[in-house]
């Protein structure tokens, strides 16, 4: 998978510190949760898809860490930092064993085809 990212040589040195540090705290918070929990769901208030993902996990009896950042009208800059970090365009962002699996629809697919339970059984991070 290749994702186009502006080459650092094309960014003026004065802009680099802002790009590298803008909302870095939220990325570190999510990274810490991913390191500490087998399943992490990153969502936002009022969005039905994080609710759907959490319901799927609750029905399965799967424990997970839920991180919520704002709603449609708040904290969008911080959520955008997560989108830029992961490349994933929507919420929720679901991580299993440190791997981004996608959102609620992708979780549902992995549950239905048995891959989700296989991922949970591994419990070993393979980065």
N, C-alpha and C. Protein backbone atom coordinates (compact mmCIF):
# COMPACT_ATOMS: atom_id res chain seq x y z
N UNK A 1 0.85 -1.17 0.00
CA UNK A 1 0.00 0.00 0.00
C UNK A 1 0.89 1.23 0.00
N UNK A 2 0.66 2.08 -0.93
CA UNK A 2 1.40 3.33 -0.99
C UNK A 2 0.42 4.48 -0.84
N UNK A 3 0.77 5.41 0.03
CA UNK A 3 -0.07 6.59 0.23
C UNK A 3 0.80 7.80 -0.02
N UNK A 4 0.33 8.68 -0.87
CA UNK A 4 1.10 9.88 -1.19
C UNK A 4 1.17 10.81 0.01
N UNK A 5 2.38 11.18 0.38
CA UNK A 5 2.63 12.14 1.45
C UNK A 5 3.64 13.14 0.89
N UNK A 6 3.40 14.40 1.13
CA UNK A 6 4.29 15.43 0.64
C UNK A 6 5.70 15.20 1.17
N UNK A 7 6.66 15.14 0.28
CA UNK A 7 8.05 14.91 0.66
C UNK A 7 8.55 16.04 1.55
N UNK A 8 9.32 15.70 2.57
CA UNK A 8 9.82 16.70 3.51
C UNK A 8 10.64 17.78 2.80
N UNK A 9 11.30 17.44 1.72
CA UNK A 9 12.09 18.42 0.97
C UNK A 9 11.20 19.50 0.36
N UNK A 10 9.92 19.22 0.22
CA UNK A 10 8.98 20.18 -0.34
C UNK A 10 8.26 21.00 0.73
N UNK A 11 8.74 20.89 1.96
CA UNK A 11 8.16 21.65 3.07
C UNK A 11 9.22 22.59 3.61
N UNK A 12 8.91 23.85 3.68
CA UNK A 12 9.86 24.85 4.16
C UNK A 12 10.25 24.52 5.61
N UNK A 13 11.53 24.69 5.96
CA UNK A 13 11.98 24.39 7.33
C UNK A 13 11.17 25.10 8.42
N UNK A 14 10.66 26.29 8.13
CA UNK A 14 9.87 27.01 9.13
C UNK A 14 8.54 26.31 9.42
N UNK A 15 8.03 25.55 8.47
CA UNK A 15 6.74 24.87 8.64
C UNK A 15 6.89 23.49 9.27
N UNK A 16 8.05 22.90 9.20
CA UNK A 16 8.23 21.52 9.67
C UNK A 16 7.90 21.30 11.14
N UNK A 17 8.32 22.18 12.05
CA UNK A 17 7.98 21.92 13.46
C UNK A 17 6.48 21.89 13.73
N UNK A 18 5.73 22.75 13.07
CA UNK A 18 4.29 22.76 13.26
C UNK A 18 3.66 21.48 12.72
N UNK A 19 4.12 21.04 11.58
CA UNK A 19 3.58 19.82 10.98
C UNK A 19 3.86 18.62 11.88
N UNK A 20 5.06 18.56 12.41
CA UNK A 20 5.45 17.41 13.22
C UNK A 20 4.85 17.38 14.60
N UNK A 21 4.47 18.53 15.13
CA UNK A 21 4.03 18.56 16.52
C UNK A 21 2.55 18.89 16.71
N UNK A 22 1.88 19.28 15.68
CA UNK A 22 0.47 19.71 15.81
C UNK A 22 -0.39 18.56 16.32
N UNK A 23 -0.97 18.74 17.46
CA UNK A 23 -1.84 17.75 18.09
C UNK A 23 -1.16 16.40 18.29
N UNK A 24 0.15 16.43 18.51
CA UNK A 24 0.90 15.19 18.75
C UNK A 24 0.42 14.49 20.02
N UNK A 25 -0.14 15.24 20.95
CA UNK A 25 -0.61 14.65 22.21
C UNK A 25 -1.72 13.62 21.97
N UNK A 26 -2.62 13.89 21.04
CA UNK A 26 -3.71 12.95 20.79
C UNK A 26 -3.18 11.68 20.13
N UNK A 27 -2.20 11.82 19.25
CA UNK A 27 -1.59 10.65 18.62
C UNK A 27 -0.89 9.81 19.68
N UNK A 28 -0.14 10.45 20.57
CA UNK A 28 0.54 9.71 21.64
C UNK A 28 -0.47 9.01 22.55
N UNK A 29 -1.58 9.66 22.83
CA UNK A 29 -2.61 9.04 23.67
C UNK A 29 -3.17 7.78 23.02
N UNK A 30 -3.45 7.84 21.73
CA UNK A 30 -3.96 6.67 21.02
C UNK A 30 -2.88 5.60 20.94
N UNK A 31 -1.65 5.97 20.67
CA UNK A 31 -0.56 5.00 20.63
C UNK A 31 -0.41 4.28 21.97
N UNK A 32 -0.53 5.02 23.07
CA UNK A 32 -0.43 4.42 24.40
C UNK A 32 -1.57 3.43 24.63
N UNK A 33 -2.77 3.78 24.21
CA UNK A 33 -3.91 2.87 24.36
C UNK A 33 -3.71 1.61 23.53
N UNK A 34 -3.19 1.77 22.32
CA UNK A 34 -2.94 0.62 21.44
C UNK A 34 -1.90 -0.30 22.07
N UNK A 35 -0.88 0.28 22.70
CA UNK A 35 0.16 -0.53 23.34
C UNK A 35 -0.36 -1.27 24.58
N UNK A 36 -1.38 -0.71 25.23
CA UNK A 36 -1.87 -1.27 26.49
C UNK A 36 -3.08 -2.19 26.34
N UNK A 37 -3.78 -2.13 25.21
CA UNK A 37 -5.03 -2.88 25.07
C UNK A 37 -5.04 -3.64 23.75
N UNK A 38 -5.62 -4.83 23.79
CA UNK A 38 -5.70 -5.64 22.57
C UNK A 38 -6.63 -5.02 21.54
N UNK A 39 -7.73 -4.44 22.00
CA UNK A 39 -8.70 -3.81 21.09
C UNK A 39 -8.92 -2.37 21.54
N UNK A 40 -8.79 -1.45 20.60
CA UNK A 40 -9.01 -0.02 20.87
C UNK A 40 -9.97 0.52 19.82
N UNK A 41 -10.98 1.23 20.28
CA UNK A 41 -11.93 1.90 19.39
C UNK A 41 -11.80 3.39 19.62
N UNK A 42 -11.51 4.13 18.56
CA UNK A 42 -11.41 5.59 18.64
C UNK A 42 -12.64 6.15 17.94
N UNK A 43 -13.42 6.93 18.68
CA UNK A 43 -14.67 7.43 18.12
C UNK A 43 -14.94 8.88 18.46
N UNK A 44 -16.18 9.25 18.24
CA UNK A 44 -16.63 10.61 18.52
C UNK A 44 -18.10 10.56 18.91
N UNK A 45 -18.54 11.56 19.65
CA UNK A 45 -19.93 11.62 20.10
C UNK A 45 -20.86 11.86 18.92
N UNK A 46 -22.06 11.38 19.05
CA UNK A 46 -23.16 11.59 18.11
C UNK A 46 -23.02 10.84 16.79
N UNK A 47 -21.91 10.17 16.57
CA UNK A 47 -21.69 9.42 15.34
C UNK A 47 -22.20 7.99 15.57
N UNK A 48 -23.12 7.50 14.73
CA UNK A 48 -23.68 6.18 14.97
C UNK A 48 -22.71 5.02 14.72
N UNK A 49 -21.67 5.24 13.96
CA UNK A 49 -20.78 4.14 13.61
C UNK A 49 -19.88 3.69 14.76
N UNK A 50 -19.33 4.60 15.57
CA UNK A 50 -18.63 4.12 16.77
C UNK A 50 -19.58 3.35 17.70
N UNK A 51 -20.83 3.80 17.80
CA UNK A 51 -21.82 3.07 18.61
C UNK A 51 -22.04 1.67 18.06
N UNK A 52 -22.12 1.56 16.73
CA UNK A 52 -22.32 0.26 16.10
C UNK A 52 -21.14 -0.66 16.40
N UNK A 53 -19.93 -0.14 16.29
CA UNK A 53 -18.74 -0.95 16.57
C UNK A 53 -18.72 -1.42 18.02
N UNK A 54 -19.03 -0.52 18.93
CA UNK A 54 -19.05 -0.88 20.35
C UNK A 54 -20.12 -1.92 20.64
N UNK A 55 -21.26 -1.81 19.98
CA UNK A 55 -22.33 -2.79 20.17
C UNK A 55 -21.88 -4.17 19.69
N UNK A 56 -21.23 -4.22 18.55
CA UNK A 56 -20.71 -5.50 18.04
C UNK A 56 -19.77 -6.12 19.07
N UNK A 57 -18.83 -5.32 19.57
CA UNK A 57 -17.86 -5.83 20.55
C UNK A 57 -18.54 -6.24 21.84
N UNK A 58 -19.53 -5.47 22.28
CA UNK A 58 -20.26 -5.81 23.50
C UNK A 58 -21.01 -7.14 23.35
N UNK A 59 -21.66 -7.33 22.20
CA UNK A 59 -22.39 -8.58 21.95
C UNK A 59 -21.44 -9.77 21.96
N UNK A 60 -20.24 -9.57 21.42
CA UNK A 60 -19.24 -10.64 21.39
C UNK A 60 -18.60 -10.87 22.76
N UNK A 61 -18.78 -9.92 23.67
CA UNK A 61 -18.13 -10.02 24.97
C UNK A 61 -16.65 -9.69 24.92
N UNK A 62 -16.26 -8.92 23.93
CA UNK A 62 -14.86 -8.54 23.75
C UNK A 62 -14.56 -7.27 24.54
N UNK A 63 -13.53 -7.31 25.36
CA UNK A 63 -13.16 -6.10 26.10
C UNK A 63 -12.38 -5.18 25.16
N UNK A 64 -12.55 -3.89 25.36
CA UNK A 64 -11.89 -2.91 24.51
C UNK A 64 -11.74 -1.61 25.26
N UNK A 65 -10.81 -0.79 24.78
CA UNK A 65 -10.62 0.56 25.30
C UNK A 65 -11.30 1.51 24.32
N UNK A 66 -12.16 2.38 24.83
CA UNK A 66 -12.83 3.35 23.96
C UNK A 66 -12.31 4.74 24.25
N UNK A 67 -11.87 5.42 23.21
CA UNK A 67 -11.43 6.80 23.30
C UNK A 67 -12.37 7.65 22.46
N UNK A 68 -12.92 8.70 23.06
CA UNK A 68 -13.86 9.56 22.34
C UNK A 68 -13.31 10.97 22.28
N UNK A 69 -13.31 11.52 21.07
CA UNK A 69 -12.78 12.86 20.86
C UNK A 69 -13.83 13.76 20.22
N UNK A 70 -14.52 14.52 21.04
CA UNK A 70 -15.44 15.54 20.56
C UNK A 70 -16.65 14.98 19.84
N UNK A 71 -17.30 15.90 19.11
CA UNK A 71 -18.47 15.57 18.32
C UNK A 71 -18.31 16.27 16.97
N UNK A 72 -19.37 16.31 16.22
CA UNK A 72 -19.28 16.95 14.91
C UNK A 72 -18.84 18.41 14.99
N UNK A 73 -19.16 19.06 16.10
CA UNK A 73 -18.87 20.49 16.22
C UNK A 73 -17.70 20.81 17.14
N UNK A 74 -17.05 19.82 17.67
CA UNK A 74 -15.92 20.10 18.56
C UNK A 74 -14.78 19.12 18.33
N UNK A 75 -13.59 19.59 18.58
CA UNK A 75 -12.34 18.83 18.50
C UNK A 75 -12.06 18.25 17.11
N UNK A 76 -12.57 18.87 16.08
CA UNK A 76 -12.34 18.32 14.74
C UNK A 76 -10.87 18.43 14.34
N UNK A 77 -10.16 19.45 14.83
CA UNK A 77 -8.72 19.55 14.52
C UNK A 77 -7.98 18.34 15.08
N UNK A 78 -8.33 17.96 16.30
CA UNK A 78 -7.67 16.82 16.93
C UNK A 78 -8.01 15.52 16.20
N UNK A 79 -9.27 15.35 15.82
CA UNK A 79 -9.64 14.14 15.08
C UNK A 79 -8.95 14.12 13.72
N UNK A 80 -8.80 15.29 13.11
CA UNK A 80 -8.12 15.35 11.82
C UNK A 80 -6.66 14.90 11.95
N UNK A 81 -6.02 15.21 13.08
CA UNK A 81 -4.65 14.75 13.30
C UNK A 81 -4.59 13.22 13.29
N UNK A 82 -5.60 12.58 13.85
CA UNK A 82 -5.64 11.11 13.83
C UNK A 82 -5.87 10.58 12.42
N UNK A 83 -6.72 11.26 11.67
CA UNK A 83 -6.94 10.86 10.28
C UNK A 83 -5.66 10.98 9.47
N UNK A 84 -4.92 12.05 9.69
CA UNK A 84 -3.66 12.24 8.97
C UNK A 84 -2.63 11.20 9.39
N UNK A 85 -2.61 10.85 10.67
CA UNK A 85 -1.65 9.87 11.18
C UNK A 85 -1.93 8.48 10.62
N UNK A 86 -3.22 8.07 10.62
CA UNK A 86 -3.56 6.72 10.18
C UNK A 86 -3.83 6.61 8.69
N UNK A 87 -4.30 7.70 8.09
CA UNK A 87 -4.75 7.62 6.71
C UNK A 87 -6.19 7.14 6.61
N UNK A 88 -6.81 6.81 7.75
CA UNK A 88 -8.20 6.33 7.75
C UNK A 88 -9.13 7.55 7.77
N UNK A 89 -10.10 7.61 6.85
CA UNK A 89 -10.87 8.84 6.68
C UNK A 89 -12.06 9.05 7.61
N UNK A 90 -12.47 8.02 8.35
CA UNK A 90 -13.70 8.14 9.13
C UNK A 90 -13.53 7.58 10.54
N UNK A 91 -14.57 7.77 11.34
CA UNK A 91 -14.61 7.19 12.68
C UNK A 91 -15.76 6.21 12.74
N UNK A 92 -15.53 5.11 13.47
CA UNK A 92 -14.42 4.84 14.36
C UNK A 92 -13.18 4.36 13.63
N UNK A 93 -12.10 4.38 14.37
CA UNK A 93 -10.86 3.71 13.97
C UNK A 93 -10.70 2.58 14.97
N UNK A 94 -10.61 1.37 14.47
CA UNK A 94 -10.53 0.21 15.36
C UNK A 94 -9.18 -0.47 15.16
N UNK A 95 -8.50 -0.68 16.27
CA UNK A 95 -7.19 -1.34 16.27
C UNK A 95 -7.30 -2.66 17.02
N UNK A 96 -6.74 -3.71 16.44
CA UNK A 96 -6.68 -5.02 17.08
C UNK A 96 -5.23 -5.48 17.05
N UNK A 97 -4.68 -5.77 18.22
CA UNK A 97 -3.27 -6.15 18.32
C UNK A 97 -2.36 -5.13 17.65
N UNK A 98 -2.72 -3.86 17.77
CA UNK A 98 -1.89 -2.80 17.22
C UNK A 98 -2.10 -2.53 15.74
N UNK A 99 -3.01 -3.25 15.11
CA UNK A 99 -3.25 -3.13 13.67
C UNK A 99 -4.59 -2.42 13.44
N UNK A 100 -4.58 -1.40 12.61
CA UNK A 100 -5.81 -0.72 12.22
C UNK A 100 -6.59 -1.63 11.29
N UNK A 101 -7.80 -2.02 11.72
CA UNK A 101 -8.61 -2.90 10.87
C UNK A 101 -9.66 -2.13 10.08
N UNK A 102 -9.85 -0.85 10.40
CA UNK A 102 -10.83 -0.02 9.71
C UNK A 102 -11.87 0.48 10.68
N UNK A 103 -13.12 0.51 10.22
CA UNK A 103 -14.22 1.03 11.03
C UNK A 103 -15.24 -0.05 11.34
N UNK A 104 -16.46 0.38 11.61
CA UNK A 104 -17.52 -0.55 12.02
C UNK A 104 -17.84 -1.57 10.93
N UNK A 105 -17.90 -1.15 9.69
CA UNK A 105 -18.22 -2.08 8.59
C UNK A 105 -17.14 -3.14 8.43
N UNK A 106 -15.89 -2.72 8.54
CA UNK A 106 -14.78 -3.66 8.41
C UNK A 106 -14.77 -4.64 9.59
N UNK A 107 -15.07 -4.12 10.79
CA UNK A 107 -15.18 -5.00 11.96
C UNK A 107 -16.26 -6.04 11.73
N UNK A 108 -17.42 -5.62 11.25
CA UNK A 108 -18.52 -6.55 11.00
C UNK A 108 -18.10 -7.63 10.01
N UNK A 109 -17.41 -7.25 8.95
CA UNK A 109 -16.94 -8.22 7.96
C UNK A 109 -15.98 -9.22 8.58
N UNK A 110 -15.02 -8.72 9.38
CA UNK A 110 -14.05 -9.61 10.02
C UNK A 110 -14.72 -10.55 11.02
N UNK A 111 -15.75 -10.08 11.70
CA UNK A 111 -16.49 -10.94 12.63
C UNK A 111 -17.20 -12.04 11.84
N UNK A 112 -17.86 -11.66 10.76
CA UNK A 112 -18.64 -12.62 9.97
C UNK A 112 -17.77 -13.67 9.31
N UNK A 113 -16.56 -13.30 8.87
CA UNK A 113 -15.72 -14.30 8.19
C UNK A 113 -14.75 -15.02 9.13
N UNK A 114 -14.83 -14.73 10.43
CA UNK A 114 -14.01 -15.44 11.41
C UNK A 114 -12.63 -14.87 11.64
N UNK A 115 -12.25 -13.87 10.87
CA UNK A 115 -10.90 -13.32 11.02
C UNK A 115 -10.72 -12.55 12.33
N UNK A 116 -11.80 -11.93 12.83
CA UNK A 116 -11.69 -11.17 14.06
C UNK A 116 -11.34 -12.09 15.23
N UNK A 117 -12.05 -13.20 15.35
CA UNK A 117 -11.75 -14.13 16.45
C UNK A 117 -10.35 -14.71 16.31
N UNK A 118 -9.90 -14.93 15.08
CA UNK A 118 -8.53 -15.41 14.86
C UNK A 118 -7.51 -14.37 15.30
N UNK A 119 -7.79 -13.11 15.03
CA UNK A 119 -6.88 -12.04 15.47
C UNK A 119 -6.83 -11.97 16.99
N UNK A 120 -7.98 -12.10 17.64
CA UNK A 120 -8.01 -12.05 19.10
C UNK A 120 -7.25 -13.22 19.71
N UNK A 121 -7.31 -14.37 19.06
CA UNK A 121 -6.64 -15.55 19.58
C UNK A 121 -5.12 -15.42 19.52
N UNK A 122 -4.62 -14.65 18.58
CA UNK A 122 -3.16 -14.48 18.45
C UNK A 122 -2.56 -13.79 19.65
N UNK A 123 -3.10 -12.65 20.01
CA UNK A 123 -2.63 -11.84 21.13
C UNK A 123 -1.16 -11.45 21.02
N UNK A 124 -0.53 -11.76 19.92
CA UNK A 124 0.86 -11.40 19.72
C UNK A 124 0.91 -10.35 18.63
N UNK A 125 1.60 -9.26 18.89
CA UNK A 125 1.71 -8.20 17.90
C UNK A 125 2.75 -8.57 16.86
N UNK A 126 2.34 -8.48 15.63
CA UNK A 126 3.25 -8.73 14.52
C UNK A 126 3.30 -7.48 13.67
N UNK A 127 4.21 -6.59 14.00
CA UNK A 127 4.28 -5.31 13.29
C UNK A 127 5.19 -5.45 12.10
